[in-house]
Protein backbone atom coordinates (compact mmCIF):
# COMPACT_ATOMS: atom_id res chain seq x y z
CA MET A 1 -8.54 -27.82 11.60
CA THR A 2 -11.64 -26.83 13.84
CA LYS A 3 -15.12 -26.41 12.41
CA ARG A 4 -14.96 -22.82 13.83
CA HIS A 5 -11.97 -22.29 11.65
CA LEU A 6 -13.34 -23.76 8.53
CA ILE A 7 -16.74 -21.31 9.46
CA PHE A 8 -13.91 -17.95 9.96
CA LEU A 9 -12.35 -19.18 6.40
CA ARG A 10 -16.03 -19.21 4.74
CA ASP A 11 -16.09 -15.78 6.09
CA VAL A 12 -12.99 -14.84 5.11
CA THR A 13 -13.59 -15.23 1.15
CA LEU A 14 -16.91 -13.73 1.54
CA TYR A 15 -15.12 -10.71 2.67
CA THR A 16 -12.36 -10.53 0.30
CA PHE A 17 -14.85 -10.67 -2.71
CA THR A 18 -16.69 -7.87 -1.19
CA ALA A 19 -14.57 -5.56 0.47
CA PHE A 20 -14.62 -2.64 -1.52
CA GLY A 21 -13.18 0.90 -0.73
CA GLY A 22 -9.81 0.79 1.27
CA PRO A 23 -8.83 0.41 4.96
CA GLN A 24 -11.37 2.84 6.45
CA ALA A 25 -14.44 0.62 4.61
CA HIS A 26 -12.49 -2.40 5.50
CA ILE A 27 -12.64 -1.61 8.98
CA ALA A 28 -16.64 -1.12 9.35
CA VAL A 29 -17.07 -4.59 7.33
CA LEU A 30 -14.62 -6.22 9.96
CA LEU A 31 -16.80 -4.76 12.69
CA ARG A 32 -20.01 -5.88 11.29
CA GLU A 33 -19.26 -9.32 10.36
CA PHE A 34 -16.63 -10.23 12.24
CA VAL A 35 -16.86 -8.36 15.52
CA GLU A 36 -20.70 -8.04 15.90
CA LYS A 37 -22.13 -11.03 13.87
CA ARG A 38 -20.09 -13.99 14.30
CA ARG A 39 -17.87 -12.67 17.55
CA TYR A 40 -14.51 -14.31 16.67
CA ILE A 41 -12.87 -11.40 18.43
CA THR A 42 -14.19 -8.05 20.94
CA GLU A 43 -14.49 -5.01 19.51
CA GLU A 44 -11.79 -4.13 21.90
CA GLU A 45 -8.99 -6.29 20.41
CA LEU A 46 -10.40 -5.12 16.84
CA MET A 47 -9.88 -1.85 17.48
CA GLU A 48 -6.33 -2.68 19.36
CA LEU A 49 -5.00 -4.35 16.03
CA ASN A 50 -5.90 -1.56 13.62
CA ALA A 51 -4.11 0.72 15.63
CA LEU A 52 -1.38 -1.52 15.59
CA ALA A 53 -1.44 -1.79 12.11
CA GLN A 54 -1.44 2.17 11.73
CA VAL A 55 1.39 1.88 13.65
CA LEU A 56 3.47 -0.66 11.76
CA PRO A 57 4.74 -0.07 8.26
CA GLY A 58 2.78 -2.63 5.77
CA PRO A 59 -0.92 -3.00 4.28
CA SER A 60 -3.42 -2.19 7.44
CA SER A 61 -5.90 -4.04 6.42
CA THR A 62 -3.96 -7.07 5.55
CA GLN A 63 -2.37 -6.60 8.82
CA THR A 64 -5.60 -6.26 10.81
CA LEU A 65 -7.21 -9.52 9.44
CA VAL A 66 -4.20 -11.50 9.56
CA GLY A 67 -4.12 -10.49 13.25
CA ILE A 68 -8.04 -11.26 13.54
CA ALA A 69 -6.93 -14.87 12.20
CA TRP A 70 -3.95 -15.40 14.43
CA LYS A 71 -6.39 -14.68 17.43
CA VAL A 72 -8.74 -16.95 16.37
CA GLY A 73 -6.67 -20.09 15.33
CA GLY A 74 -2.61 -19.40 14.94
CA LEU A 75 -0.22 -19.15 12.72
CA GLN A 76 -1.84 -21.77 10.34
CA LEU A 77 -5.13 -19.96 9.97
CA ALA A 78 -3.31 -16.87 9.91
CA ILE A 79 -1.17 -17.63 6.64
CA ILE A 80 -4.05 -19.20 4.87
CA THR A 81 -6.10 -16.03 5.77
CA PHE A 82 -3.60 -14.48 3.84
CA LEU A 83 -3.72 -16.23 0.97
CA ILE A 84 -7.31 -16.13 0.60
CA TRP A 85 -7.32 -12.20 1.13
CA ILE A 86 -4.34 -11.42 -1.06
CA LEU A 87 -4.29 -13.89 -4.61
CA PRO A 88 -7.93 -13.40 -6.07
CA SER A 89 -7.14 -9.75 -6.65
CA ALA A 90 -3.61 -10.18 -7.25
CA THR A 91 -3.91 -12.72 -9.77
CA ILE A 92 -6.72 -10.59 -11.13
CA MET A 93 -3.62 -8.06 -11.96
CA CYS A 94 -1.27 -10.02 -13.35
CA MET A 95 -3.46 -11.61 -15.78
CA ALA A 96 -4.14 -7.59 -16.39
CA ALA A 97 -0.33 -7.10 -16.62
CA ILE A 98 0.02 -10.03 -19.37
CA SER A 99 -3.10 -8.80 -21.37
CA TYR A 100 -1.93 -4.88 -21.21
CA LYS A 101 0.25 -5.21 -24.22
CA MET A 102 -2.48 -7.48 -26.20
CA PHE A 103 -4.39 -3.95 -25.93
CA ALA A 104 -2.55 -1.02 -25.65
CA ASP A 105 -1.57 -0.50 -29.22
CA LYS A 106 -5.85 -0.72 -30.37
CA ALA A 107 -7.46 3.22 -30.40
CA LYS A 108 -10.64 1.52 -28.49
CA PHE A 109 -8.68 0.77 -25.59
CA THR A 110 -6.63 3.60 -25.62
CA ALA A 111 -10.33 6.01 -26.26
CA ILE A 112 -11.75 4.07 -22.70
CA LEU A 113 -7.97 4.90 -20.82
CA ARG A 114 -8.04 8.84 -21.80
CA PHE A 115 -11.42 9.08 -19.63
CA VAL A 116 -10.52 6.32 -16.83
CA GLN A 117 -6.52 7.41 -16.31
CA PRO A 118 -8.06 11.61 -15.34
CA ILE A 119 -10.40 9.73 -13.02
CA ALA A 120 -7.48 7.56 -11.31
CA VAL A 121 -5.57 10.92 -10.64
CA GLY A 122 -8.56 12.32 -9.11
CA ILE A 123 -8.85 9.11 -6.61
CA VAL A 124 -4.94 10.09 -5.77
CA ALA A 125 -6.17 13.79 -4.91
CA TYR A 126 -8.76 12.91 -2.95
CA ALA A 127 -6.21 10.60 -0.79
CA THR A 128 -4.37 13.31 -0.68
CA TYR A 129 -6.70 15.40 0.57
CA THR A 130 -8.26 13.21 2.81
CA PHE A 131 -4.90 12.28 4.51
CA ALA A 132 -3.88 16.28 5.02
CA ASN A 133 -7.25 16.80 6.80
CA LYS A 134 -6.64 13.72 9.43
CA PHE A 135 -3.11 14.10 10.05
CA LEU A 136 -1.45 17.78 9.47
CA LYS A 137 -3.50 18.94 12.70
CA SER A 138 -0.16 21.04 14.00
CA ARG A 139 2.47 23.52 12.62
CA VAL A 140 4.92 21.13 13.03
CA SER A 141 3.12 18.04 10.86
CA THR A 142 2.12 20.69 8.22
CA MET A 143 5.99 22.10 7.85
CA LEU A 144 7.36 17.99 7.69
CA ALA A 145 4.91 17.57 5.05
CA ILE A 146 5.79 20.48 3.42
CA GLY A 147 9.61 19.87 3.86
CA SER A 148 8.64 16.28 2.77
CA LEU A 149 6.78 17.60 -0.74
CA ILE A 150 9.91 19.73 -1.75
CA ALA A 151 12.81 17.30 -0.98
CA THR A 152 10.93 14.76 -3.02
CA LEU A 153 10.59 16.74 -5.82
CA ILE A 154 14.23 18.29 -5.86
CA LEU A 155 16.10 14.72 -4.84
CA GLN A 156 13.86 12.46 -7.22
CA ASN A 157 15.39 9.51 -5.94
CA ALA A 158 14.38 6.55 -3.94
CA TYR A 159 16.55 6.17 -1.13
CA ALA A 160 15.20 9.70 -0.01
CA PHE A 161 11.95 8.05 1.06
CA PRO A 162 13.22 6.42 4.12
CA LEU A 163 15.58 8.74 4.90
CA LEU A 164 12.60 11.46 5.00
CA ILE A 165 10.17 9.02 7.17
CA LEU A 166 13.06 8.43 9.34
CA LEU A 167 13.34 11.72 10.34
CA GLY A 168 9.81 12.54 10.40
CA GLY A 169 9.79 9.94 13.08
CA ILE A 170 12.30 11.05 15.23
CA ILE A 171 11.33 14.95 14.80
CA SER A 172 7.45 14.20 15.72
CA SER A 173 8.71 11.14 18.65
CA ALA A 174 11.60 14.11 20.23
CA LEU A 175 8.69 17.12 20.38
CA GLU A 176 5.66 15.28 21.33
CA THR A 177 7.09 12.68 23.90
CA GLN A 178 7.50 13.54 27.63
CA PRO A 179 11.38 11.62 29.03
CA GLN A 180 9.66 9.45 31.37
CA GLU A 181 9.76 5.88 29.47
CA ASN A 182 13.21 4.64 29.69
CA GLU A 183 12.33 1.33 32.33
CA LEU A 184 9.39 0.52 30.08
CA ARG A 185 11.07 0.92 26.67
CA VAL A 186 14.20 -1.55 28.42
CA LYS A 187 11.40 -4.00 29.68
CA LEU A 188 9.65 -4.41 26.05
CA PHE A 189 13.11 -4.54 24.17
CA SER A 190 14.45 -7.14 26.51
CA ASN A 191 11.82 -9.44 25.30
CA VAL A 192 12.48 -9.01 21.91
CA ASN A 193 14.66 -11.66 20.20
CA PRO A 194 17.27 -10.16 18.38
CA ASN A 195 17.38 -13.08 16.14
CA LYS A 196 13.86 -12.56 14.32
CA VAL A 197 14.62 -8.82 14.11
CA THR A 198 18.40 -9.78 12.51
CA TYR A 199 16.13 -12.04 10.03
CA PHE A 200 13.98 -9.11 9.16
CA ILE A 201 16.59 -6.36 8.34
CA GLY A 202 18.93 -9.25 6.91
CA ILE A 203 16.69 -9.87 3.99
CA LEU A 204 16.57 -6.69 2.64
CA LEU A 205 20.16 -6.27 3.33
CA PHE A 206 20.86 -9.29 1.32
CA PHE A 207 18.55 -8.81 -1.74
CA ALA A 208 19.71 -5.51 -1.81
CA ALA A 209 23.28 -6.56 -1.91
CA LEU A 210 22.53 -8.83 -4.01
CA GLY A 211 20.96 -6.83 -6.73
CA ALA A 212 23.94 -4.54 -6.77
CA VAL A 213 26.58 -7.42 -7.28
CA VAL A 214 24.69 -9.28 -9.94
CA ASN A 215 25.11 -8.29 -13.42
CA GLN A 216 22.15 -6.19 -14.41
CA THR A 217 22.38 -7.95 -18.14
CA SER A 218 21.60 -10.84 -16.21
CA VAL A 219 18.18 -12.84 -16.52
CA PHE A 220 17.91 -12.27 -12.80
CA SER A 221 19.26 -9.13 -12.35
CA LEU A 222 15.43 -7.83 -12.76
CA PRO A 223 13.64 -9.79 -10.72
CA ILE A 224 15.91 -9.94 -7.72
CA ARG A 225 16.19 -5.91 -7.80
CA LEU A 226 12.23 -5.96 -7.99
CA PHE A 227 12.15 -7.77 -4.69
CA GLU A 228 14.46 -5.60 -3.06
CA ASN A 229 12.29 -2.69 -3.76
CA PHE A 230 9.01 -3.83 -3.28
CA TYR A 231 10.70 -5.22 -0.15
CA ARG A 232 12.13 -2.12 1.00
CA ASN A 233 8.95 0.00 -0.07
CA GLY A 234 6.59 -2.72 2.30
CA ILE A 235 9.27 -1.49 5.20
CA LEU A 236 8.55 2.16 4.82
CA ILE A 237 4.92 2.06 3.97
CA PHE A 238 2.28 3.69 6.82
CA GLY A 239 -1.04 4.42 6.28
CA GLY A 240 -1.58 1.55 3.92
CA GLY A 241 -2.63 1.86 0.11
CA GLN A 242 -2.93 5.76 -0.36
CA VAL A 243 0.33 5.80 0.84
CA LEU A 244 1.66 3.19 -1.66
CA VAL A 245 0.44 4.88 -4.94
CA PRO A 246 3.13 7.87 -4.27
CA LEU A 247 5.94 5.65 -3.36
CA MET A 248 5.41 3.30 -6.60
CA TYR A 249 5.09 6.35 -9.00
CA THR A 250 8.07 8.30 -8.05
CA GLU A 251 10.44 5.30 -7.88
CA PHE A 252 8.99 3.05 -10.66
CA VAL A 253 8.05 5.95 -13.25
CA GLU A 254 9.85 9.27 -12.62
CA VAL A 255 13.26 7.14 -11.51
CA LYS A 256 13.33 3.87 -12.93
CA HIS A 257 11.03 4.10 -15.96
CA TYR A 258 10.16 0.47 -15.57
CA LEU A 259 6.74 1.57 -16.13
CA THR A 260 5.47 4.82 -18.51
CA ASN A 261 2.96 6.77 -16.79
CA SER A 262 -0.49 5.38 -18.93
CA GLU A 263 0.66 1.86 -17.37
CA PHE A 264 0.70 3.02 -13.99
CA LEU A 265 -2.44 4.79 -13.97
CA SER A 266 -4.16 2.05 -16.26
CA GLY A 267 -3.07 -0.52 -13.35
CA TYR A 268 -4.32 1.46 -10.53
CA ALA A 269 -7.84 2.59 -11.76
CA LEU A 270 -8.26 -1.19 -12.74
CA GLN A 271 -6.88 -1.64 -8.72
CA GLN A 272 -9.75 0.43 -7.56
CA ALA A 273 -12.82 -1.38 -8.95
CA LEU A 274 -11.72 -4.34 -7.28
CA PRO A 275 -12.50 -5.57 -3.76
CA GLY A 276 -9.47 -6.70 -1.69
CA PRO A 277 -6.00 -5.33 -0.86
CA THR A 278 -4.82 -2.00 -2.22
CA PHE A 279 -1.04 -3.55 -2.24
CA SER A 280 -2.30 -6.27 -5.10
CA PHE A 281 -1.54 -3.45 -7.59
CA THR A 282 2.00 -4.47 -7.10
CA SER A 283 1.09 -7.52 -8.62
CA PHE A 284 0.19 -5.37 -11.86
CA LEU A 285 3.27 -3.38 -11.39
CA GLY A 286 5.77 -6.20 -11.36
CA GLY A 287 4.04 -8.15 -14.18
CA ILE A 288 4.59 -4.87 -16.00
CA ALA A 289 8.30 -4.05 -15.34
CA MET A 290 8.80 -7.49 -16.29
CA GLY A 291 7.11 -7.33 -19.37
CA ASN A 292 8.89 -4.08 -20.47
CA LYS A 293 12.41 -5.53 -20.16
CA GLY A 294 11.12 -8.77 -22.28
CA GLY A 295 10.48 -10.92 -19.75
CA GLY A 296 7.55 -12.88 -21.80
CA ILE A 297 4.74 -14.35 -19.96
CA VAL A 298 6.49 -16.72 -17.66
CA GLY A 299 8.72 -13.32 -16.49
CA GLN A 300 5.75 -11.36 -16.23
CA VAL A 301 3.77 -14.09 -13.71
CA PHE A 302 7.41 -14.59 -11.73
CA GLY A 303 7.38 -10.21 -11.57
CA SER A 304 4.06 -10.35 -10.15
CA LEU A 305 4.87 -12.84 -7.52
CA VAL A 306 8.09 -10.94 -7.10
CA ALA A 307 6.21 -8.07 -6.02
CA VAL A 308 3.49 -9.50 -4.30
CA ILE A 309 5.38 -11.01 -1.91
CA GLY A 310 8.03 -8.50 -1.66
CA ILE A 311 5.69 -5.98 -0.59
CA ASN A 312 3.62 -7.79 2.31
CA ALA A 313 6.46 -9.94 3.31
CA PRO A 314 7.40 -7.37 6.01
CA GLY A 315 3.81 -6.21 7.38
CA LEU A 316 3.32 -9.80 7.59
CA ILE A 317 6.32 -10.68 9.50
CA LEU A 318 5.80 -7.65 11.56
CA ILE A 319 2.04 -8.28 12.61
CA LEU A 320 2.93 -12.01 13.81
CA PHE A 321 5.78 -11.16 15.29
CA ILE A 322 4.32 -7.93 17.49
CA VAL A 323 0.92 -9.31 18.01
CA PRO A 324 2.13 -11.47 21.13
CA PHE A 325 3.54 -8.47 23.05
CA TRP A 326 1.34 -5.40 21.96
CA ASN A 327 0.19 -4.79 25.04
CA ASP A 328 3.51 -3.99 26.20
CA LEU A 329 4.73 -2.21 23.07
CA LYS A 330 1.07 -0.36 23.36
CA LYS A 331 2.21 1.45 26.33
CA ILE A 332 5.46 3.48 24.53
CA THR A 333 4.25 7.01 23.76
CA ARG A 334 7.34 7.18 22.06
CA ILE A 335 6.65 5.16 19.53
CA LYS A 336 2.34 6.05 18.91
CA ASN A 337 4.06 9.68 18.65
CA SER A 338 6.23 9.20 15.84
CA LEU A 339 3.51 8.08 13.94
CA SER A 340 2.35 11.64 13.51
CA GLY A 341 5.42 12.75 11.72
CA ILE A 342 5.83 9.99 9.63
CA ASN A 343 1.97 10.63 8.04
CA ALA A 344 3.31 13.99 7.31
CA VAL A 345 5.84 13.20 5.79
CA ALA A 346 3.48 10.20 3.59
CA VAL A 347 1.17 13.55 2.86
CA GLY A 348 4.53 15.43 1.53
CA PHE A 349 4.83 12.17 -0.67
CA MET A 350 1.34 12.10 -1.66
CA ALA A 351 1.26 15.76 -2.68
CA THR A 352 4.42 15.01 -4.85
CA ALA A 353 3.21 11.99 -6.52
CA LEU A 354 -0.32 13.97 -7.18
CA ILE A 355 2.28 16.85 -8.79
CA LEU A 356 3.86 14.10 -10.80
CA LEU A 357 0.66 12.35 -11.97
CA VAL A 358 -0.79 15.72 -13.11
CA ARG A 359 2.13 16.90 -15.08
CA PRO A 360 1.50 14.86 -18.26
CA PHE A 361 -2.03 16.43 -18.68
CA GLY A 362 -0.33 19.66 -20.10
CA LEU A 363 -2.68 21.56 -21.67
CA ASP A 364 -5.90 19.04 -22.06
CA TRP A 365 -8.39 20.77 -20.12
CA LYS A 366 -11.04 18.09 -20.45
CA ALA A 367 -8.52 15.96 -18.20
CA TYR A 368 -8.64 18.38 -15.35
CA LEU A 369 -12.46 18.55 -15.58
CA ILE A 370 -12.44 14.99 -15.44
CA MET A 371 -10.09 14.70 -12.29
CA ALA A 372 -11.64 17.51 -10.69
CA VAL A 373 -15.35 15.64 -10.53
CA SER A 374 -13.86 12.53 -9.77
CA PHE A 375 -12.58 14.45 -6.63
CA LEU A 376 -15.93 16.22 -6.02
CA LEU A 377 -17.99 13.02 -6.22
CA LEU A 378 -15.70 11.08 -4.05
CA ASN A 379 -15.40 13.98 -0.91
CA TYR A 380 -18.98 15.35 -1.52
CA THR A 381 -21.21 12.24 -2.12
CA LYS A 382 -21.46 8.33 -0.84
CA ILE A 383 -20.80 7.41 -4.40
CA LYS A 384 -17.69 4.76 -4.24
CA ALA A 385 -14.74 4.72 -6.48
CA PRO A 386 -15.34 1.25 -8.11
CA PHE A 387 -18.23 2.89 -9.38
CA ILE A 388 -16.61 6.10 -10.76
CA ILE A 389 -14.01 3.97 -12.71
CA LEU A 390 -16.89 1.73 -14.22
CA LEU A 391 -18.43 5.60 -15.30
CA GLY A 392 -15.64 6.46 -16.61
CA ILE A 393 -14.81 2.84 -18.17
CA GLY A 394 -18.93 3.34 -19.84
CA LEU A 395 -17.71 7.26 -20.98
CA GLY A 396 -14.80 5.63 -23.08
CA LEU A 397 -16.87 3.09 -24.71
CA LEU A 398 -19.85 5.21 -25.31
CA PHE A 399 -17.17 8.05 -27.20
CA SER A 400 -14.78 6.13 -28.69
C-alpha cells in the first residue's frame, strides 16, 4: 500500500466522523475534500459515481465513497474504505441496541423519548416532502406514488415492495424511452459475466429458501431470516437511507413485529444524531430483533452483524461489479428512465411509513406539535437533524 493510499484512508477516517446530514450533505463534503482539496478524482468522475449510485439499489453515500476508493487504489482499498466508513456508526448502534433494554423501563428514559420520537417522525415527514418535490414532476410519477401508497396501506405485506418497485420502473421506462436502443443493450449485456449475476441473485434465493426450510423454533432461524430480509431490502432500496426507513418500518414493525414503534423511532432518532451512513440504523434493528427473541447479548451482536452485512452486501457487490463498465451502462436511457418510476414508488412508500408512524400519536397534540416544529425547522432553516435531536434530548431531560 502506497503513501497516497494511507493518506486516502486517513481522509476517509476523518470524513467518517464528520459526515452528518445524509447523502446530499455527504456529496458536498466529498466534492470539497476528495476532489477540490486532495484531487483523488475529478469532479466529473465524482458526479458520475454519484449518478451511478442513484441508479443502483443500495446505500448511495457508501457506494459513492467505495467507488472513489476503487478508482484510487483498486479492490483492496475499496474494501478497507467500506469497513472504515461503516464500522464506527454500526458499532454504536449495536451497543445502543444492547443497552436499550436496560433503560427502556426507567421513567426518565421514557420521558426523554417522548420528545425525541415525534422529532424522528418530523424528520421522516421532511424526507417525504423533499423526495416528493424532487421526483414527482409528472402526472405519471404522481399517479405511481399515489398507487404505491394505497397498495402498501392495503396489502401490508413485505413482498408488495419488490413488485411495486419493479412495476414502477417498467412503467416509467416504457413511457419515457424511445425504441432505438436494442443494439446498444446487446453490446452492454454481452460484456456482463453471467456467473457474477448468478451469484448475486443466488445469495438471496439461497437464504430465502433456507429461512423457509429451517424450523422457526431453531436458534438459527431468526438470523437466517433476518439476513434474507436485509439482503432483499438492500436490493430494493433506491434513493438511500430516506427510503430505508419506510421499508424497514412496514416490514419489521407493522408486518413481522420484530420491534415496537417506540424501539424503532428511538433507534432512528439516535442514528440521525450520528455521523456516517444512514444504513447503520440496521445494526440497531438487528440487535433489537434478536434481543426481543431472547438472543442475549451475543445474539444481539450477531443480529447487528447479520443486519449490517445483509443490507450493505448488494450495494457493495453492485458498485464494484458495475464501475468497470459504467461508461457503457450510462448510455442506456432505458435504465436511467426506469429510475423516475422507482423513485415515485419510493415516495409512496415514505408516505405510507409517515401515516403508520403518526398513528400511535392518537390524540396527543404535543406529539403533533413537536413533529410539525421539527419539520418546519428542517425545511425553513439551516438547522440540521442532529441538532434537533439533541434539542429533543435536552427538553426531555429538562421536563422529566
